[in-house]
Amino acid sequence: MVGEQEKLACLLFLGPRGMDGGLAYLRKNWVNAIPDVGGLDGKQGVEVVQQALAQGHDVTALVRDPDKMAGLVPNKELKIQKIDFSSADTVEPHLQDKDVVLSCRTWPWSVTLYTDSMEVIVAAMKKNKVKRLVCVTSWFTTDDPSNPPSFMMRWIVKPLFLGRIMYNMSQMEQYLQGCEDINFTAVRPPGLRMGPVTDMEFRTEEGPQVCDRDGVRGMCRADVARFMLSTMTSEDWVRKCVAVIAVPKK
């Protein structure tokens, strides 16, 4: 069943451990998803697609490998098409009459995937006059002396494992802030884990993290997808980067 919340057009970019990538877009009661499903990180985009279907949207998946997508989301309501989205010209036709773009693209190595792919998405959006964008980055893409990361994150995780990837996420956020005609929301979750969608409440902060011990435990991808979909028609986080966690209701 489609709820009372307005449904929009989402452009979804995913990128796991492979050279594939993806995109998704949603038109009023329509979601067209283009996820890269070759690796672990593609699970976030799959969660978005599954929940969009559950909300009653008409979902189309545009992928480089349709068989992989069909295996991950075996739903007869999901339409799957093969696409090359290496440039704005190949992506642009699929955004006609769409309203919102969702990006869940992730990458485990030191590359410029975030900025490169976002430039393609934004160029295609502008050609179709699509203004709404919701993307996923991470906690701690920016530094705030008044809201510092933990010792482990600051001195071990970022410098040894995630520093360059998070730097490119930060560059992407800065790029979007410079796109005055794009109404973006950058969703910053903590560490991601698997688990079913919950009804826990969200705590948010416009900053590098949410100062709450519950954030240390991470956040399940299903709840990140739930938060992303909830922001599509909300004005609360337009042109902002929002850190989020899900906590039990009191």
C-alpha atoms as a PDB file:
ATOM      1  CA  MET A   1       0.000   0.000   0.000  1.00  0.00           C
ATOM      2  CA  VAL A   2       1.180   3.483  -0.801  1.00  0.00           C
ATOM      3  CA  GLY A   3       0.970   5.671   2.287  1.00  0.00           C
ATOM      4  CA  GLU A   4       0.033   9.298   2.519  1.00  0.00           C
ATOM      5  CA  GLN A   5       3.613  10.446   2.003  1.00  0.00           C
ATOM      6  CA  GLU A   6       4.201  11.769  -1.501  1.00  0.00           C
ATOM      7  CA  LYS A   7       6.286   9.432  -3.638  1.00  0.00           C
ATOM      8  CA  LEU A   8       8.987  10.907  -5.832  1.00  0.00           C
ATOM      9  CA  ALA A   9      11.513   9.935  -8.481  1.00  0.00           C
ATOM     10  CA  CYS A  10      14.775   8.543  -7.043  1.00  0.00           C
ATOM     11  CA  LEU A  11      18.063   8.196  -8.874  1.00  0.00           C
ATOM     12  CA  LEU A  12      20.023   5.526  -7.005  1.00  0.00           C
ATOM     13  CA  PHE A  13      23.772   5.058  -7.457  1.00  0.00           C
ATOM     14  CA  LEU A  14      25.347   1.961  -5.918  1.00  0.00           C
ATOM     15  CA  GLY A  15      28.881   0.633  -6.103  1.00  0.00           C
ATOM     16  CA  PRO A  16      30.163  -2.418  -4.244  1.00  0.00           C
ATOM     17  CA  ARG A  17      33.322  -4.438  -4.667  1.00  0.00           C
ATOM     18  CA  GLY A  18      33.384  -4.449  -8.421  1.00  0.00           C
ATOM     19  CA  MET A  19      33.448  -2.243 -11.476  1.00  0.00           C
ATOM     20  CA  ASP A  20      29.683  -2.155 -11.806  1.00  0.00           C
ATOM     21  CA  GLY A  21      27.690   0.719 -10.437  1.00  0.00           C
ATOM     22  CA  GLY A  22      24.112   1.760 -10.318  1.00  0.00           C
ATOM     23  CA  LEU A  23      21.534   4.410 -10.370  1.00  0.00           C
ATOM     24  CA  ALA A  24      17.942   4.686  -9.363  1.00  0.00           C
ATOM     25  CA  TYR A  25      15.257   7.203  -9.932  1.00  0.00           C
ATOM     26  CA  LEU A  26      11.702   7.532  -8.749  1.00  0.00           C
ATOM     27  CA  ARG A  27       8.766   9.303 -10.296  1.00  0.00           C
ATOM     28  CA  LYS A  28       5.586  10.061  -8.311  1.00  0.00           C
ATOM     29  CA  ASN A  29       4.797   6.516  -7.196  1.00  0.00           C
ATOM     30  CA  TRP A  30       7.629   5.342  -9.460  1.00  0.00           C
ATOM     31  CA  VAL A  31      11.083   4.200  -8.365  1.00  0.00           C
ATOM     32  CA  ASN A  32      13.655   3.355 -11.029  1.00  0.00           C
ATOM     33  CA  ALA A  33      16.725   1.801  -9.461  1.00  0.00           C
ATOM     34  CA  ILE A  34      20.111   1.222 -11.025  1.00  0.00           C
ATOM     35  CA  PRO A  35      22.146  -0.558  -8.376  1.00  0.00           C
ATOM     36  CA  ASP A  36      25.526  -2.159  -8.699  1.00  0.00           C
ATOM     37  CA  VAL A  37      24.983  -5.524  -7.112  1.00  0.00           C
ATOM     38  CA  GLY A  38      28.418  -7.109  -7.463  1.00  0.00           C
ATOM     39  CA  GLY A  39      29.544  -6.840  -3.851  1.00  0.00           C
ATOM     40  CA  LEU A  40      28.767  -6.309  -0.216  1.00  0.00           C
ATOM     41  CA  ASP A  41      28.145  -2.580  -0.289  1.00  0.00           C
ATOM     42  CA  GLY A  42      25.353  -2.974  -2.852  1.00  0.00           C
ATOM     43  CA  LYS A  43      23.167  -4.219   0.003  1.00  0.00           C
ATOM     44  CA  GLN A  44      22.300  -0.642   0.959  1.00  0.00           C
ATOM     45  CA  GLY A  45      20.753   0.053  -2.432  1.00  0.00           C
ATOM     46  CA  VAL A  46      18.909  -3.256  -2.378  1.00  0.00           C
ATOM     47  CA  GLU A  47      17.323  -2.192   0.922  1.00  0.00           C
ATOM     48  CA  VAL A  48      16.146   1.068  -0.653  1.00  0.00           C
ATOM     49  CA  VAL A  49      14.653  -0.772  -3.630  1.00  0.00           C
ATOM     50  CA  GLN A  50      12.893  -3.347  -1.446  1.00  0.00           C
ATOM     51  CA  GLN A  51      11.360  -0.731   0.826  1.00  0.00           C
ATOM     52  CA  ALA A  52      10.286   1.409  -2.124  1.00  0.00           C
ATOM     53  CA  LEU A  53       8.497  -1.620  -3.556  1.00  0.00           C
ATOM     54  CA  ALA A  54       6.892  -2.287  -0.181  1.00  0.00           C
ATOM     55  CA  GLN A  55       5.603   1.277  -0.128  1.00  0.00           C
ATOM     56  CA  GLY A  56       3.773   0.670  -3.388  1.00  0.00           C
ATOM     57  CA  HIS A  57       6.072   2.374  -5.865  1.00  0.00           C
ATOM     58  CA  ASP A  58       6.471   1.128  -9.413  1.00  0.00           C
ATOM     59  CA  VAL A  59      10.174   0.239  -9.404  1.00  0.00           C
ATOM     60  CA  THR A  60      12.432  -0.149 -12.420  1.00  0.00           C
ATOM     61  CA  ALA A  61      16.018  -1.332 -11.940  1.00  0.00           C
ATOM     62  CA  LEU A  62      18.531  -0.198 -14.541  1.00  0.00           C
ATOM     63  CA  VAL A  63      21.698  -2.261 -14.131  1.00  0.00           C
ATOM     64  CA  ARG A  64      24.759  -3.536 -15.937  1.00  0.00           C
ATOM     65  CA  ASP A  65      23.954  -7.097 -14.860  1.00  0.00           C
ATOM     66  CA  PRO A  66      20.168  -7.681 -14.733  1.00  0.00           C
ATOM     67  CA  ASP A  67      20.558 -11.299 -13.579  1.00  0.00           C
ATOM     68  CA  LYS A  68      22.338 -10.221 -10.390  1.00  0.00           C
ATOM     69  CA  MET A  69      19.623  -7.710  -9.574  1.00  0.00           C
ATOM     70  CA  ALA A  70      16.861 -10.231 -10.224  1.00  0.00           C
ATOM     71  CA  GLY A  71      18.534 -12.638  -7.824  1.00  0.00           C
ATOM     72  CA  LEU A  72      18.840 -10.043  -5.079  1.00  0.00           C
ATOM     73  CA  VAL A  73      15.302  -8.692  -5.379  1.00  0.00           C
ATOM     74  CA  PRO A  74      13.074 -11.537  -6.658  1.00  0.00           C
ATOM     75  CA  ASN A  75       9.945  -9.409  -6.827  1.00  0.00           C
ATOM     76  CA  LYS A  76       7.637  -9.694  -9.822  1.00  0.00           C
ATOM     77  CA  GLU A  77       6.735  -6.013  -9.445  1.00  0.00           C
ATOM     78  CA  LEU A  78      10.346  -4.978 -10.056  1.00  0.00           C
ATOM     79  CA  LYS A  79      11.197  -4.039 -13.643  1.00  0.00           C
ATOM     80  CA  ILE A  80      14.846  -4.585 -14.566  1.00  0.00           C
ATOM     81  CA  GLN A  81      16.631  -3.120 -17.573  1.00  0.00           C
ATOM     82  CA  LYS A  82      20.259  -3.083 -18.662  1.00  0.00           C
ATOM     83  CA  ILE A  83      21.925   0.318 -18.987  1.00  0.00           C
ATOM     84  CA  ASP A  84      25.243   2.034 -19.551  1.00  0.00           C
ATOM     85  CA  PHE A  85      25.494   5.083 -17.305  1.00  0.00           C
ATOM     86  CA  SER A  86      29.130   5.964 -17.956  1.00  0.00           C
ATOM     87  CA  SER A  87      28.221   9.528 -18.917  1.00  0.00           C
ATOM     88  CA  ALA A  88      25.447  12.059 -18.443  1.00  0.00           C
ATOM     89  CA  ASP A  89      24.293  11.467 -22.023  1.00  0.00           C
ATOM     90  CA  THR A  90      23.556   7.792 -21.326  1.00  0.00           C
ATOM     91  CA  VAL A  91      21.882   8.507 -17.991  1.00  0.00           C
ATOM     92  CA  GLU A  92      19.890  11.586 -18.988  1.00  0.00           C
ATOM     93  CA  PRO A  93      17.062   9.870 -20.949  1.00  0.00           C
ATOM     94  CA  HIS A  94      16.128   7.784 -17.906  1.00  0.00           C
ATOM     95  CA  LEU A  95      15.508  10.836 -15.728  1.00  0.00           C
ATOM     96  CA  GLN A  96      12.714  12.317 -17.791  1.00  0.00           C
ATOM     97  CA  ASP A  97       9.725  13.189 -15.566  1.00  0.00           C
ATOM     98  CA  LYS A  98      11.567  12.064 -12.444  1.00  0.00           C
ATOM     99  CA  ASP A  99      11.562  13.998  -9.172  1.00  0.00           C
ATOM    100  CA  VAL A 100      14.197  12.652  -6.780  1.00  0.00           C
ATOM    101  CA  VAL A 101      17.599  10.999  -7.001  1.00  0.00           C
ATOM    102  CA  LEU A 102      18.867   8.513  -4.396  1.00  0.00           C
ATOM    103  CA  SER A 103      22.552   7.644  -4.312  1.00  0.00           C
ATOM    104  CA  CYS A 104      23.846   4.698  -2.263  1.00  0.00           C
ATOM    105  CA  ARG A 105      27.106   4.305  -4.069  1.00  0.00           C
ATOM    106  CA  THR A 106      30.034   3.030  -2.005  1.00  0.00           C
ATOM    107  CA  TRP A 107      33.582   1.996  -2.863  1.00  0.00           C
ATOM    108  CA  PRO A 108      36.223   0.184  -0.791  1.00  0.00           C
ATOM    109  CA  TRP A 109      39.349   1.639  -2.410  1.00  0.00           C
ATOM    110  CA  SER A 110      41.053   4.984  -2.866  1.00  0.00           C
ATOM    111  CA  VAL A 111      39.324   6.330  -5.944  1.00  0.00           C
ATOM    112  CA  THR A 112      37.380   9.406  -6.975  1.00  0.00           C
ATOM    113  CA  LEU A 113      34.220   7.397  -7.566  1.00  0.00           C
ATOM    114  CA  TYR A 114      32.019   9.596  -5.398  1.00  0.00           C
ATOM    115  CA  THR A 115      32.849  12.881  -7.089  1.00  0.00           C
ATOM    116  CA  ASP A 116      33.093  11.398 -10.588  1.00  0.00           C
ATOM    117  CA  SER A 117      29.750   9.594 -10.435  1.00  0.00           C
ATOM    118  CA  MET A 118      27.972  12.497  -8.729  1.00  0.00           C
ATOM    119  CA  GLU A 119      29.051  14.872 -11.487  1.00  0.00           C
ATOM    120  CA  VAL A 120      27.426  12.505 -14.002  1.00  0.00           C
ATOM    121  CA  ILE A 121      24.231  12.290 -11.946  1.00  0.00           C
ATOM    122  CA  VAL A 122      23.957  16.040 -11.409  1.00  0.00           C
ATOM    123  CA  ALA A 123      24.551  16.793 -15.091  1.00  0.00           C
ATOM    124  CA  ALA A 124      21.763  14.377 -16.047  1.00  0.00           C
ATOM    125  CA  MET A 125      19.486  15.840 -13.379  1.00  0.00           C
ATOM    126  CA  LYS A 126      20.002  19.375 -14.647  1.00  0.00           C
ATOM    127  CA  LYS A 127      19.131  18.388 -18.213  1.00  0.00           C
ATOM    128  CA  ASN A 128      15.824  17.017 -16.932  1.00  0.00           C
ATOM    129  CA  LYS A 129      15.248  19.790 -14.376  1.00  0.00           C
ATOM    130  CA  VAL A 130      15.303  17.235 -11.535  1.00  0.00           C
ATOM    131  CA  LYS A 131      16.263  19.021  -8.334  1.00  0.00           C
ATOM    132  CA  ARG A 132      15.877  16.584  -5.406  1.00  0.00           C
ATOM    133  CA  LEU A 133      18.792  14.342  -4.463  1.00  0.00           C
ATOM    134  CA  VAL A 134      19.318  12.073  -1.448  1.00  0.00           C
ATOM    135  CA  CYS A 135      22.705  10.385  -1.095  1.00  0.00           C
ATOM    136  CA  VAL A 136      24.632   8.371   1.497  1.00  0.00           C
ATOM    137  CA  THR A 137      28.056   9.305   2.805  1.00  0.00           C
ATOM    138  CA  SER A 138      29.287   8.590   6.342  1.00  0.00           C
ATOM    139  CA  TRP A 139      29.943   9.905   9.799  1.00  0.00           C
ATOM    140  CA  PHE A 140      33.187  11.910  10.086  1.00  0.00           C
ATOM    141  CA  THR A 141      33.489  13.098   6.490  1.00  0.00           C
ATOM    142  CA  THR A 142      34.217  16.490   8.062  1.00  0.00           C
ATOM    143  CA  ASP A 143      36.222  17.493  11.121  1.00  0.00           C
ATOM    144  CA  ASP A 144      34.717  19.462  13.976  1.00  0.00           C
ATOM    145  CA  PRO A 145      36.946  20.136  17.020  1.00  0.00           C
ATOM    146  CA  SER A 146      33.830  20.571  19.158  1.00  0.00           C
ATOM    147  CA  ASN A 147      32.496  17.175  18.058  1.00  0.00           C
ATOM    148  CA  PRO A 148      35.595  14.965  17.614  1.00  0.00           C
ATOM    149  CA  PRO A 149      35.619  11.276  16.664  1.00  0.00           C
ATOM    150  CA  SER A 150      36.667   8.516  19.025  1.00  0.00           C
ATOM    151  CA  PHE A 151      40.343   7.672  19.508  1.00  0.00           C
ATOM    152  CA  MET A 152      39.906   4.523  17.409  1.00  0.00           C
ATOM    153  CA  MET A 153      38.287   6.389  14.508  1.00  0.00           C
ATOM    154  CA  ARG A 154      40.697   9.325  14.564  1.00  0.00           C
ATOM    155  CA  TRP A 155      44.009   7.514  14.891  1.00  0.00           C
ATOM    156  CA  ILE A 156      43.413   4.022  13.473  1.00  0.00           C
ATOM    157  CA  VAL A 157      40.335   3.604  11.266  1.00  0.00           C
ATOM    158  CA  LYS A 158      40.560   6.832   9.248  1.00  0.00           C
ATOM    159  CA  PRO A 159      44.321   7.019   8.662  1.00  0.00           C
ATOM    160  CA  LEU A 160      44.853   3.298   8.060  1.00  0.00           C
ATOM    161  CA  PHE A 161      41.660   2.155   6.352  1.00  0.00           C
ATOM    162  CA  LEU A 162      39.044   4.727   5.352  1.00  0.00           C
ATOM    163  CA  GLY A 163      40.762   8.101   5.219  1.00  0.00           C
ATOM    164  CA  ARG A 164      41.022   8.551   1.462  1.00  0.00           C
ATOM    165  CA  ILE A 165      37.567   7.152   0.778  1.00  0.00           C
ATOM    166  CA  MET A 166      36.025   9.450   3.387  1.00  0.00           C
ATOM    167  CA  TYR A 167      37.980  12.361   1.936  1.00  0.00           C
ATOM    168  CA  ASN A 168      36.385  11.749  -1.460  1.00  0.00           C
ATOM    169  CA  MET A 169      32.971  11.528   0.224  1.00  0.00           C
ATOM    170  CA  SER A 170      33.717  14.928   1.742  1.00  0.00           C
ATOM    171  CA  GLN A 171      34.681  16.270  -1.679  1.00  0.00           C
ATOM    172  CA  MET A 172      31.358  15.029  -3.041  1.00  0.00           C
ATOM    173  CA  GLU A 173      29.476  16.794  -0.253  1.00  0.00           C
ATOM    174  CA  GLN A 174      31.368  20.010  -1.022  1.00  0.00           C
ATOM    175  CA  TYR A 175      30.578  19.615  -4.718  1.00  0.00           C
ATOM    176  CA  LEU A 176      26.856  19.296  -3.953  1.00  0.00           C
ATOM    177  CA  GLN A 177      26.972  22.365  -1.726  1.00  0.00           C
ATOM    178  CA  GLY A 178      28.238  24.268  -4.755  1.00  0.00           C
ATOM    179  CA  CYS A 179      25.330  23.056  -6.926  1.00  0.00           C
ATOM    180  CA  GLU A 180      22.840  25.772  -6.030  1.00  0.00           C
ATOM    181  CA  ASP A 181      20.081  24.291  -8.199  1.00  0.00           C
ATOM    182  CA  ILE A 182      20.252  20.821  -6.575  1.00  0.00           C
ATOM    183  CA  ASN A 183      18.237  20.304  -3.380  1.00  0.00           C
ATOM    184  CA  PHE A 184      20.415  17.599  -1.899  1.00  0.00           C
ATOM    185  CA  THR A 185      20.412  15.761   1.410  1.00  0.00           C
ATOM    186  CA  ALA A 186      23.585  13.868   2.316  1.00  0.00           C
ATOM    187  CA  VAL A 187      22.709  11.149   4.827  1.00  0.00           C
ATOM    188  CA  ARG A 188      25.606  10.315   7.140  1.00  0.00           C
ATOM    189  CA  PRO A 189      25.109   6.973   8.926  1.00  0.00           C
ATOM    190  CA  PRO A 190      27.634   5.351  11.292  1.00  0.00           C
ATOM    191  CA  GLY A 191      29.006   1.874  10.623  1.00  0.00           C
ATOM    192  CA  LEU A 192      26.545  -0.246   8.650  1.00  0.00           C
ATOM    193  CA  ARG A 193      25.334  -3.704   9.633  1.00  0.00           C
ATOM    194  CA  MET A 194      22.716  -6.136   8.432  1.00  0.00           C
ATOM    195  CA  GLY A 195      19.343  -6.547  10.081  1.00  0.00           C
ATOM    196  CA  PRO A 196      15.623  -6.129   9.451  1.00  0.00           C
ATOM    197  CA  VAL A 197      13.951  -2.753   9.266  1.00  0.00           C
ATOM    198  CA  THR A 198      12.810  -1.500  12.676  1.00  0.00           C
ATOM    199  CA  ASP A 199      10.453   1.114  14.076  1.00  0.00           C
ATOM    200  CA  MET A 200      13.181   2.748  16.149  1.00  0.00           C
ATOM    201  CA  GLU A 201      13.251   6.521  16.174  1.00  0.00           C
ATOM    202  CA  PHE A 202      15.907   8.523  14.383  1.00  0.00           C
ATOM    203  CA  ARG A 203      18.250  10.937  16.075  1.00  0.00           C
ATOM    204  CA  THR A 204      19.864  13.440  13.773  1.00  0.00           C
ATOM    205  CA  GLU A 205      22.435  16.188  13.840  1.00  0.00           C
ATOM    206  CA  GLU A 206      23.778  18.541  11.197  1.00  0.00           C
ATOM    207  CA  GLY A 207      27.392  17.642  11.808  1.00  0.00           C
ATOM    208  CA  PRO A 208      29.985  14.860  11.565  1.00  0.00           C
ATOM    209  CA  GLN A 209      28.235  12.515  14.033  1.00  0.00           C
ATOM    210  CA  VAL A 210      25.360  12.138  16.472  1.00  0.00           C
ATOM    211  CA  CYS A 211      26.679  12.400  20.026  1.00  0.00           C
ATOM    212  CA  ASP A 212      25.006   9.313  21.429  1.00  0.00           C
ATOM    213  CA  ARG A 213      26.487   6.055  22.693  1.00  0.00           C
ATOM    214  CA  ASP A 214      23.995   4.096  20.612  1.00  0.00           C
ATOM    215  CA  GLY A 215      25.813   5.289  17.503  1.00  0.00           C
ATOM    216  CA  VAL A 216      28.837   3.187  18.431  1.00  0.00           C
ATOM    217  CA  ARG A 217      26.808   0.057  17.647  1.00  0.00           C
ATOM    218  CA  GLY A 218      26.234   1.184  14.088  1.00  0.00           C
ATOM    219  CA  MET A 219      23.001   1.239  12.139  1.00  0.00           C
ATOM    220  CA  CYS A 220      21.336  -1.429  10.033  1.00  0.00           C
ATOM    221  CA  ARG A 221      21.118  -0.765   6.307  1.00  0.00           C
ATOM    222  CA  ALA A 222      17.357  -1.252   6.388  1.00  0.00           C
ATOM    223  CA  ASP A 223      16.942   1.695   8.754  1.00  0.00           C
ATOM    224  CA  VAL A 224      19.282   3.834   6.645  1.00  0.00           C
ATOM    225  CA  ALA A 225      17.039   3.075   3.670  1.00  0.00           C
ATOM    226  CA  ARG A 226      13.967   3.942   5.766  1.00  0.00           C
ATOM    227  CA  PHE A 227      15.479   7.287   6.710  1.00  0.00           C
ATOM    228  CA  MET A 228      16.498   8.066   3.120  1.00  0.00           C
ATOM    229  CA  LEU A 229      12.995   7.411   1.822  1.00  0.00           C
ATOM    230  CA  SER A 230      11.502   9.516   4.619  1.00  0.00           C
ATOM    231  CA  THR A 231      13.572  12.540   3.600  1.00  0.00           C
ATOM    232  CA  MET A 232      12.430  12.587  -0.014  1.00  0.00           C
ATOM    233  CA  THR A 233       9.466  14.872   0.566  1.00  0.00           C
ATOM    234  CA  SER A 234      10.731  16.534   3.745  1.00  0.00           C
ATOM    235  CA  GLU A 235      12.110  20.066   3.856  1.00  0.00           C
ATOM    236  CA  ASP A 236      14.000  19.438   7.106  1.00  0.00           C
ATOM    237  CA  TRP A 237      17.323  18.478   5.568  1.00  0.00           C
ATOM    238  CA  VAL A 238      17.307  20.154   2.156  1.00  0.00           C
ATOM    239  CA  ARG A 239      20.833  21.253   1.158  1.00  0.00           C
ATOM    240  CA  LYS A 240      22.250  19.800   4.363  1.00  0.00           C
ATOM    241  CA  CYS A 241      24.481  16.939   5.517  1.00  0.00           C
ATOM    242  CA  VAL A 242      22.741  15.056   8.316  1.00  0.00           C
ATOM    243  CA  ALA A 243      24.294  12.496  10.661  1.00  0.00           C
ATOM    244  CA  VAL A 244      21.765   9.898  11.796  1.00  0.00           C
ATOM    245  CA  ILE A 245      21.345   6.930  14.129  1.00  0.00           C
ATOM    246  CA  ALA A 246      18.357   4.770  15.065  1.00  0.00           C
ATOM    247  CA  VAL A 247      17.636   4.308  18.773  1.00  0.00           C
ATOM    248  CA  PRO A 248      14.918   2.471  20.735  1.00  0.00           C
ATOM    249  CA  LYS A 249      11.827   4.501  21.474  1.00  0.00           C
ATOM    250  CA  LYS A 250      11.544   5.725  25.040  1.00  0.00           C
END
